[in-house]
Amino acid sequence: MLKFAGFMFVGLLVTLAMLPAAHAATAASKLSWDAPTTRVDGTMLPASEIQEYQIFYAIDGTPSITSSAATVVSVGESVTILTLDLPPREAPYVVSFAILTVDTDGLKSPLSDAVSKTFNVDSTAAPGVPTNLQFTIVCGDGCEITEIGTD
């Protein structure tokens, strides 16, 4: 956890590996949040009582507690990296995240509201048609060019 001006910021770095490997590329996005300072009943929640955060994510859907998850343990200034392998496709991907806090007694907060980010991954569609097609005829000595009209 990073402390800055009395607030704690925690983060997750999400890397997206664009498949297939022959065309692999990586994109990165950072997910960060403010650590809660109170419990749901309004009492104080010291940072020392936060054990971890569970990050739930969904690709092209809404995250829930049954979604895929990653855990960020609230120790030091480490950054957790989550890698998602996304094969190329024409439509963009929408990756959504929601987080809950786990305290040192194992009590879990409700799931946060979801946040989403859209990622375009290299398209699998065929390339577009060439445009502005032009040609030139070169004729040597004694050559005559006759234009033939079309109807």
Protein backbone atom coordinates (compact mmCIF):
# COMPACT_ATOMS: atom_id res chain seq x y z
CA MET A 1 0.00 0.00 0.00
CA LEU A 2 1.24 3.46 -0.77
CA LYS A 3 0.56 6.20 1.73
CA PHE A 4 0.20 9.70 0.34
CA ALA A 5 -1.19 12.73 2.16
CA GLY A 6 -3.05 10.57 4.68
CA PHE A 7 -4.73 8.36 2.09
CA MET A 8 -3.78 4.83 1.14
CA PHE A 9 -3.78 3.84 -2.49
CA VAL A 10 -3.63 0.22 -3.55
CA GLY A 11 -3.24 -0.99 -7.09
CA LEU A 12 -3.26 -3.81 -9.55
CA LEU A 13 -1.44 -3.69 -12.87
CA VAL A 14 -3.37 -5.51 -15.58
CA THR A 15 -1.44 -6.66 -18.62
CA LEU A 16 -3.19 -7.95 -21.67
CA ALA A 17 -1.31 -10.40 -23.84
CA MET A 18 -2.76 -10.26 -27.33
CA LEU A 19 -2.64 -13.71 -28.89
CA PRO A 20 -1.60 -15.63 -31.02
CA ALA A 21 2.05 -15.73 -30.01
CA ALA A 22 3.20 -14.99 -33.57
CA HIS A 23 1.50 -11.61 -33.22
CA ALA A 24 1.84 -11.21 -29.46
CA ALA A 25 1.62 -7.71 -28.13
CA THR A 26 1.07 -6.45 -24.63
CA ALA A 27 -1.10 -3.65 -23.35
CA ALA A 28 -1.21 -2.56 -19.73
CA SER A 29 -3.76 -0.81 -17.60
CA LYS A 30 -3.63 0.15 -13.93
CA LEU A 31 -6.50 -0.48 -11.54
CA SER A 32 -6.22 1.47 -8.29
CA TRP A 33 -8.51 2.27 -5.38
CA ASP A 34 -8.61 4.00 -2.01
CA ALA A 35 -8.47 1.70 1.00
CA PRO A 36 -11.62 1.85 3.13
CA THR A 37 -11.28 3.70 6.43
CA THR A 38 -14.56 2.55 7.98
CA ARG A 39 -16.56 -0.64 8.30
CA VAL A 40 -20.12 -0.96 6.93
CA ASP A 41 -21.47 -0.10 10.41
CA GLY A 42 -19.53 3.20 10.38
CA THR A 43 -16.82 2.22 12.90
CA MET A 44 -13.17 2.95 12.07
CA LEU A 45 -11.15 0.43 10.08
CA PRO A 46 -7.42 0.86 10.68
CA ALA A 47 -5.18 -0.09 7.76
CA SER A 48 -3.53 -2.68 10.01
CA GLU A 49 -6.82 -4.61 10.07
CA ILE A 50 -6.98 -5.00 6.28
CA GLN A 51 -5.63 -8.39 5.30
CA GLU A 52 -6.20 -8.32 1.54
CA TYR A 53 -8.33 -7.24 -1.38
CA GLN A 54 -10.04 -9.68 -3.71
CA ILE A 55 -10.42 -8.38 -7.25
CA PHE A 56 -13.09 -10.02 -9.37
CA TYR A 57 -13.11 -9.51 -13.11
CA ALA A 58 -15.20 -10.40 -16.12
CA ILE A 59 -14.49 -10.14 -19.82
CA ASP A 60 -17.54 -8.88 -21.71
CA GLY A 61 -19.71 -9.23 -18.63
CA THR A 62 -20.34 -8.09 -15.07
CA PRO A 63 -17.99 -9.26 -12.32
CA SER A 64 -19.46 -11.09 -9.33
CA ILE A 65 -18.10 -13.10 -6.42
CA THR A 66 -18.24 -16.16 -8.67
CA SER A 67 -16.12 -14.50 -11.38
CA SER A 68 -12.42 -15.06 -11.93
CA ALA A 69 -10.41 -13.38 -9.19
CA ALA A 70 -6.99 -12.10 -8.19
CA THR A 71 -5.85 -11.28 -4.66
CA VAL A 72 -3.81 -8.27 -3.58
CA VAL A 73 -2.30 -8.69 -0.14
CA SER A 74 -2.00 -5.32 1.54
CA VAL A 75 1.66 -5.58 2.50
CA GLY A 76 4.37 -3.07 1.57
CA GLU A 77 4.48 -1.32 -1.75
CA SER A 78 4.28 -4.33 -4.03
CA VAL A 79 2.19 -4.27 -7.19
CA THR A 80 0.22 -7.32 -8.22
CA ILE A 81 0.18 -8.09 -11.93
CA LEU A 82 -2.72 -9.89 -13.55
CA THR A 83 -2.23 -11.08 -17.14
CA LEU A 84 -5.24 -11.73 -19.37
CA ASP A 85 -4.70 -13.54 -22.68
CA LEU A 86 -7.09 -12.13 -25.27
CA PRO A 87 -7.16 -13.56 -28.79
CA PRO A 88 -7.59 -11.04 -31.63
CA ARG A 89 -11.15 -10.34 -32.74
CA GLU A 90 -13.07 -7.64 -34.56
CA ALA A 91 -15.13 -6.44 -31.59
CA PRO A 92 -13.37 -4.72 -28.70
CA TYR A 93 -13.13 -6.43 -25.32
CA VAL A 94 -14.75 -4.87 -22.26
CA VAL A 95 -12.93 -5.91 -19.08
CA SER A 96 -14.76 -5.10 -15.83
CA PHE A 97 -13.47 -5.20 -12.25
CA ALA A 98 -15.05 -5.11 -8.78
CA ILE A 99 -13.25 -5.37 -5.44
CA LEU A 100 -13.95 -6.43 -1.89
CA THR A 101 -11.91 -5.96 1.29
CA VAL A 102 -11.04 -8.81 3.66
CA ASP A 103 -10.10 -7.90 7.23
CA THR A 104 -7.75 -9.78 9.55
CA ASP A 105 -10.72 -11.67 11.06
CA GLY A 106 -11.72 -12.92 7.59
CA LEU A 107 -14.78 -10.68 7.36
CA LYS A 108 -15.52 -9.54 3.80
CA SER A 109 -16.98 -6.27 2.63
CA PRO A 110 -19.73 -6.12 0.02
CA LEU A 111 -18.48 -6.10 -3.56
CA SER A 112 -17.71 -2.62 -4.89
CA ASP A 113 -19.36 -1.09 -7.93
CA ALA A 114 -17.72 -2.31 -11.14
CA VAL A 115 -15.42 -0.27 -13.35
CA SER A 116 -14.75 -1.19 -16.97
CA LYS A 117 -12.23 -0.51 -19.67
CA THR A 118 -12.51 -1.25 -23.39
CA PHE A 119 -9.55 -2.75 -25.23
CA ASN A 120 -9.21 -3.13 -28.99
CA VAL A 121 -7.24 -6.22 -29.92
CA ASP A 122 -5.81 -6.70 -33.41
CA SER A 123 -8.64 -7.67 -35.73
CA THR A 124 -8.93 -11.09 -37.31
CA ALA A 125 -10.87 -9.62 -40.26
CA ALA A 126 -9.40 -9.68 -43.76
CA PRO A 127 -7.58 -6.49 -44.81
CA GLY A 128 -9.47 -3.75 -46.62
CA VAL A 129 -9.55 -3.31 -50.39
CA PRO A 130 -6.77 -1.17 -51.93
CA THR A 131 -7.93 2.24 -53.16
CA ASN A 132 -6.63 4.88 -55.57
CA LEU A 133 -5.53 2.25 -58.11
CA GLN A 134 -3.54 3.78 -60.99
CA PHE A 135 -1.49 2.46 -63.90
CA THR A 136 1.00 3.80 -66.45
CA ILE A 137 1.87 2.40 -69.90
CA VAL A 138 5.37 2.93 -71.20
CA CYS A 139 5.83 2.43 -74.91
CA GLY A 140 9.23 2.21 -76.63
CA ASP A 141 10.21 3.70 -80.05
CA GLY A 142 7.74 2.83 -82.79
CA CYS A 143 5.04 1.81 -80.35
CA GLU A 144 1.59 3.38 -80.62
CA ILE A 145 -1.00 3.44 -77.85
CA THR A 146 -4.66 3.42 -78.83
CA GLU A 147 -7.29 4.00 -76.22
CA ILE A 148 -10.30 1.71 -76.45
CA GLY A 149 -13.44 3.15 -74.94
CA THR A 150 -15.89 1.20 -72.85
CA ASP A 151 -19.65 1.63 -72.96
